[in-house]
Amino acid sequence: MTIMTTAMKKEICSMVMMHHSAKEIWNKLLSIYEQKSGQRLDYLICQLFNYRKDQSDSIAQHVAKLEALWLELSQEVLAIEHLQLPLSFLLNRILNTLPNEYFEFKSSDRGTLFA
């Protein structure tokens, strides 16, 4: 218990100080920080579909962040729903989050991207 609580910030420590064993503290930390699968799925869906390009990110960084979100979401959907997300979801998000200077690319024939 001592090792656990000395590694915590004051705010976190105040949330677990009423517990009397390391196991109780651990369980409380899990309940605070570990999301249920359904909640995590909802969170990841919102993250992916509300994602906007950070102005300081290059296009490569932007795409990498979207790929990472899509991969997490794909793994969660596979674990819960036993379905594989189509790559077209990721490609759609990439195209729809491109800055205005890429407008010509965005309006180009998307069919070639999915071939």
Protein backbone atom coordinates (compact mmCIF):
# COMPACT_ATOMS: atom_id res chain seq x y z
CA MET A 1 0.00 0.00 0.00
CA THR A 2 2.78 2.40 0.87
CA ILE A 3 4.51 1.92 -2.47
CA MET A 4 1.27 2.46 -4.34
CA THR A 5 0.21 5.58 -2.49
CA THR A 6 3.62 7.25 -2.56
CA ALA A 7 3.61 6.98 -6.36
CA MET A 8 0.21 8.72 -6.64
CA LYS A 9 -0.62 12.36 -7.03
CA LYS A 10 -2.41 13.98 -4.11
CA GLU A 11 -5.78 14.04 -5.93
CA ILE A 12 -5.63 10.33 -6.70
CA CYS A 13 -4.46 9.45 -3.22
CA SER A 14 -7.50 11.22 -1.75
CA MET A 15 -9.76 8.98 -3.84
CA VAL A 16 -8.28 5.77 -2.43
CA MET A 17 -7.29 6.68 1.13
CA MET A 18 -10.41 5.12 2.67
CA HIS A 19 -9.28 1.67 1.51
CA HIS A 20 -7.25 -0.55 3.83
CA SER A 21 -5.42 -2.96 1.54
CA ALA A 22 -3.41 -2.83 -1.66
CA LYS A 23 -6.04 -4.98 -3.38
CA GLU A 24 -8.83 -2.58 -2.43
CA ILE A 25 -6.77 0.36 -3.69
CA TRP A 26 -6.00 -1.45 -6.93
CA ASN A 27 -9.68 -2.30 -7.47
CA LYS A 28 -10.65 1.32 -6.87
CA LEU A 29 -8.02 2.54 -9.35
CA LEU A 30 -9.33 0.04 -11.91
CA SER A 31 -12.89 1.25 -11.43
CA ILE A 32 -11.74 4.85 -11.90
CA TYR A 33 -9.48 4.37 -14.92
CA GLU A 34 -10.49 1.20 -16.72
CA GLN A 35 -13.52 1.68 -18.90
CA LYS A 36 -16.00 -1.05 -19.68
CA SER A 37 -15.77 -2.36 -23.23
CA GLY A 38 -19.04 -0.76 -24.35
CA GLN A 39 -18.03 2.59 -22.91
CA ARG A 40 -14.60 2.31 -24.50
CA LEU A 41 -16.20 1.49 -27.86
CA ASP A 42 -18.44 4.58 -27.63
CA TYR A 43 -15.45 6.70 -26.63
CA LEU A 44 -13.32 5.48 -29.54
CA ILE A 45 -16.13 6.02 -32.05
CA CYS A 46 -16.53 9.60 -30.83
CA GLN A 47 -12.78 10.14 -30.92
CA LEU A 48 -12.49 8.94 -34.51
CA PHE A 49 -15.50 10.74 -35.91
CA ASN A 50 -14.87 14.01 -34.05
CA TYR A 51 -11.15 14.10 -34.78
CA ARG A 52 -9.79 17.27 -36.38
CA LYS A 53 -6.31 17.92 -37.68
CA ASP A 54 -4.08 19.81 -35.26
CA GLN A 55 -2.59 22.80 -37.10
CA SER A 56 0.89 21.92 -35.86
CA ASP A 57 0.71 18.36 -37.26
CA SER A 58 2.01 17.49 -40.69
CA ILE A 59 -0.29 15.48 -42.95
CA ALA A 60 1.78 12.38 -42.17
CA GLN A 61 1.35 12.94 -38.42
CA HIS A 62 -2.36 13.60 -38.89
CA VAL A 63 -2.84 10.39 -40.87
CA ALA A 64 -0.80 8.41 -38.33
CA LYS A 65 -3.02 9.66 -35.48
CA LEU A 66 -6.16 8.72 -37.40
CA GLU A 67 -4.69 5.30 -38.19
CA ALA A 68 -3.92 4.73 -34.51
CA LEU A 69 -7.49 5.67 -33.51
CA TRP A 70 -8.93 3.49 -36.27
CA LEU A 71 -6.76 0.55 -35.21
CA GLU A 72 -7.87 0.86 -31.59
CA LEU A 73 -11.49 1.11 -32.68
CA SER A 74 -11.10 -1.86 -35.05
CA GLN A 75 -9.66 -4.01 -32.27
CA GLU A 76 -12.46 -3.05 -29.88
CA VAL A 77 -15.16 -3.72 -32.51
CA LEU A 78 -13.57 -7.07 -33.29
CA ALA A 79 -13.45 -8.00 -29.60
CA ILE A 80 -17.03 -6.94 -28.83
CA GLU A 81 -18.97 -7.35 -32.07
CA HIS A 82 -16.72 -9.92 -33.81
CA LEU A 83 -16.74 -7.71 -36.90
CA GLN A 84 -13.90 -6.27 -38.96
CA LEU A 85 -14.19 -2.56 -39.72
CA PRO A 86 -13.72 -1.73 -43.38
CA LEU A 87 -10.67 0.28 -44.34
CA SER A 88 -13.03 2.67 -46.14
CA PHE A 89 -14.02 4.10 -42.72
CA LEU A 90 -10.44 5.17 -42.14
CA LEU A 91 -10.01 6.52 -45.66
CA ASN A 92 -13.24 8.49 -45.32
CA ARG A 93 -12.07 10.09 -42.08
CA ILE A 94 -8.71 10.97 -43.59
CA LEU A 95 -10.32 12.61 -46.62
CA ASN A 96 -12.93 14.44 -44.57
CA THR A 97 -10.38 15.88 -42.15
CA LEU A 98 -7.94 17.21 -44.73
CA PRO A 99 -7.39 20.98 -44.56
CA ASN A 100 -8.92 23.24 -47.23
CA GLU A 101 -5.67 23.46 -49.20
CA TYR A 102 -6.26 19.79 -50.07
CA PHE A 103 -9.75 20.51 -51.38
CA GLU A 104 -8.92 19.41 -54.93
CA PHE A 105 -7.73 16.07 -53.61
CA LYS A 106 -10.82 15.72 -51.43
CA SER A 107 -13.15 16.31 -54.36
CA SER A 108 -11.28 13.95 -56.69
CA ASP A 109 -12.67 10.57 -57.63
CA ARG A 110 -12.67 8.61 -54.38
CA GLY A 111 -13.35 5.38 -56.19
CA THR A 112 -9.70 5.05 -57.10
CA LEU A 113 -8.74 5.18 -53.40
CA PHE A 114 -10.81 2.15 -52.57
CA ALA A 115 -9.70 -0.02 -55.47
